[in-house]
Amino acid sequence: MNNTDFNINNYVWEGKNVLIAEDIMSNYNFLRLLLKKSKVNVLWVENGRDAIDTVLNNDTIDLVLLDINLPLLNGYEVVKQIKAKKPDLPVIAQTAYALGGDREKSIAAGCDDYVSKPISISVLLKKIDAFLGKK
């Protein structure tokens, strides 16, 4: 994780809501602690079905951080179902399986952007800010 080329204080998304769809608690805790300083509200689900249900039943979500390797439904299926109902909701895919073509596959499935694990803090914050900073 590269954390030397950014200032967390430059990213403030107070009043915004981010859904983290992540089945590994340590990954979720990393993201939650990282985003805490930005004053964003964080919601968490651990599987694909809950991700879809949460998004479709909550109109206050501003962005989804979506792990591709989720239980019950994988991230590719999750983003397809989310985008079918909420095409303008930004979804950033994240995967530990950073193989050639993963970014393209994520974008083709409907994700708006992509980060590979281990996550670069500065890259993730810039990608989130591209969506939340302009609203």
Protein backbone atom coordinates (compact mmCIF):
# COMPACT_ATOMS: atom_id res chain seq x y z
CA MET A 1 0.00 0.00 0.00
CA ASN A 2 1.50 3.24 -1.13
CA ASN A 3 0.57 6.00 1.27
CA THR A 4 3.32 8.54 0.71
CA ASP A 5 1.94 10.56 -2.19
CA PHE A 6 -1.40 11.82 -0.89
CA ASN A 7 -2.94 13.82 1.91
CA ILE A 8 -6.07 12.23 3.35
CA ASN A 9 -7.25 15.68 4.44
CA ASN A 10 -7.74 16.59 0.77
CA TYR A 11 -10.63 14.12 0.57
CA VAL A 12 -13.78 15.06 2.45
CA TRP A 13 -17.08 13.51 1.39
CA GLU A 14 -19.24 14.44 4.36
CA GLY A 15 -22.87 13.47 3.82
CA LYS A 16 -22.02 10.87 1.16
CA ASN A 17 -22.75 7.16 1.58
CA VAL A 18 -20.47 4.39 0.35
CA LEU A 19 -21.45 0.73 0.32
CA ILE A 20 -18.52 -1.63 0.78
CA ALA A 21 -19.31 -5.12 -0.54
CA GLU A 22 -16.47 -7.20 0.90
CA ASP A 23 -16.54 -10.65 2.47
CA ILE A 24 -13.16 -10.49 4.22
CA MET A 25 -13.42 -8.52 7.44
CA SER A 26 -9.79 -7.36 7.46
CA ASN A 27 -10.26 -5.87 3.97
CA TYR A 28 -13.46 -4.18 5.08
CA ASN A 29 -11.78 -2.80 8.22
CA PHE A 30 -8.91 -1.41 6.14
CA LEU A 31 -11.36 0.41 3.85
CA ARG A 32 -13.54 1.60 6.74
CA LEU A 33 -10.59 3.05 8.64
CA LEU A 34 -9.20 4.65 5.50
CA LEU A 35 -12.52 6.30 4.66
CA LYS A 36 -13.26 7.38 8.23
CA LYS A 37 -11.14 10.53 7.91
CA SER A 38 -13.07 11.54 4.79
CA LYS A 39 -16.26 11.76 6.90
CA VAL A 40 -18.12 9.53 4.44
CA ASN A 41 -20.82 7.23 5.83
CA VAL A 42 -19.93 3.57 5.30
CA LEU A 43 -22.35 0.66 4.91
CA TRP A 44 -21.11 -2.93 4.72
CA VAL A 45 -22.37 -6.16 3.21
CA GLU A 46 -20.57 -9.50 2.99
CA ASN A 47 -22.14 -11.14 -0.04
CA GLY A 48 -23.49 -10.41 -3.48
CA ARG A 49 -27.16 -10.87 -2.69
CA ASP A 50 -26.99 -8.43 0.22
CA ALA A 51 -25.15 -5.93 -2.00
CA ILE A 52 -27.98 -5.96 -4.54
CA ASP A 53 -30.71 -5.80 -1.87
CA THR A 54 -28.98 -2.93 -0.06
CA VAL A 55 -28.50 -0.86 -3.20
CA LEU A 56 -32.00 -1.43 -4.53
CA ASN A 57 -33.61 -0.64 -1.16
CA ASN A 58 -31.49 2.40 -0.29
CA ASP A 59 -31.62 5.51 -2.45
CA THR A 60 -28.96 7.30 -0.39
CA ILE A 61 -25.99 5.24 -1.57
CA ASP A 62 -23.61 7.42 -3.60
CA LEU A 63 -20.95 4.83 -4.55
CA VAL A 64 -20.27 1.09 -4.28
CA LEU A 65 -16.86 -0.46 -3.63
CA LEU A 66 -17.44 -3.95 -4.96
CA ASP A 67 -15.21 -6.95 -4.35
CA ILE A 68 -15.44 -9.17 -7.41
CA ASN A 69 -14.98 -12.43 -5.50
CA LEU A 70 -18.08 -12.34 -3.28
CA PRO A 71 -20.03 -15.31 -1.92
CA LEU A 72 -23.52 -16.15 -3.23
CA LEU A 73 -23.21 -13.91 -6.31
CA ASN A 74 -19.92 -12.71 -7.77
CA GLY A 75 -19.26 -9.03 -8.36
CA TYR A 76 -19.81 -9.27 -12.12
CA GLU A 77 -23.37 -10.48 -11.60
CA VAL A 78 -23.92 -7.96 -8.79
CA VAL A 79 -22.91 -4.98 -10.92
CA LYS A 80 -25.08 -6.14 -13.83
CA GLN A 81 -28.13 -6.27 -11.56
CA ILE A 82 -27.32 -2.95 -9.86
CA LYS A 83 -26.76 -1.15 -13.17
CA ALA A 84 -30.01 -2.55 -14.60
CA LYS A 85 -31.92 -0.61 -11.92
CA LYS A 86 -29.51 2.22 -11.09
CA PRO A 87 -27.34 2.86 -14.15
CA ASP A 88 -25.90 6.12 -12.79
CA LEU A 89 -24.69 4.71 -9.45
CA PRO A 90 -20.87 4.59 -9.56
CA VAL A 91 -19.37 1.15 -8.89
CA ILE A 92 -15.64 0.62 -8.36
CA ALA A 93 -14.57 -3.01 -8.67
CA GLN A 94 -11.80 -4.40 -6.48
CA THR A 95 -10.12 -7.74 -6.84
CA ALA A 96 -7.18 -9.64 -5.46
CA TYR A 97 -7.06 -11.66 -8.64
CA ALA A 98 -5.36 -8.99 -10.73
CA LEU A 99 -4.92 -10.98 -13.88
CA GLY A 100 -4.60 -9.61 -17.37
CA GLY A 101 -8.03 -8.55 -18.57
CA ASP A 102 -9.62 -8.16 -15.11
CA ARG A 103 -10.00 -4.41 -15.52
CA GLU A 104 -11.58 -4.84 -18.93
CA LYS A 105 -13.86 -7.60 -17.67
CA SER A 106 -14.98 -5.41 -14.75
CA ILE A 107 -15.69 -2.45 -17.02
CA ALA A 108 -17.50 -4.68 -19.52
CA ALA A 109 -19.71 -6.01 -16.71
CA GLY A 110 -20.75 -2.44 -15.88
CA CYS A 111 -18.26 -1.19 -13.30
CA ASP A 112 -17.25 2.44 -13.65
CA ASP A 113 -13.68 1.87 -12.47
CA TYR A 114 -11.36 -0.77 -11.06
CA VAL A 115 -8.63 -1.16 -8.41
CA SER A 116 -6.49 -4.20 -7.76
CA LYS A 117 -5.50 -5.53 -4.36
CA PRO A 118 -3.35 -4.79 -2.54
CA ILE A 119 -5.02 -1.42 -2.86
CA SER A 120 -2.95 1.70 -3.32
CA ILE A 121 -4.48 4.20 -0.91
CA SER A 122 -3.75 7.19 -3.12
CA VAL A 123 -5.17 5.49 -6.23
CA LEU A 124 -8.35 4.47 -4.43
CA LEU A 125 -8.93 7.93 -2.94
CA LYS A 126 -8.44 9.58 -6.32
CA LYS A 127 -10.89 7.16 -7.96
CA ILE A 128 -13.52 7.71 -5.26
CA ASP A 129 -13.02 11.46 -5.47
CA ALA A 130 -13.61 11.37 -9.23
CA PHE A 131 -17.18 10.32 -8.41
CA LEU A 132 -17.95 11.86 -5.00
CA GLY A 133 -15.91 15.03 -5.26
CA LYS A 134 -17.90 16.37 -8.18
CA LYS A 135 -21.37 15.91 -6.70
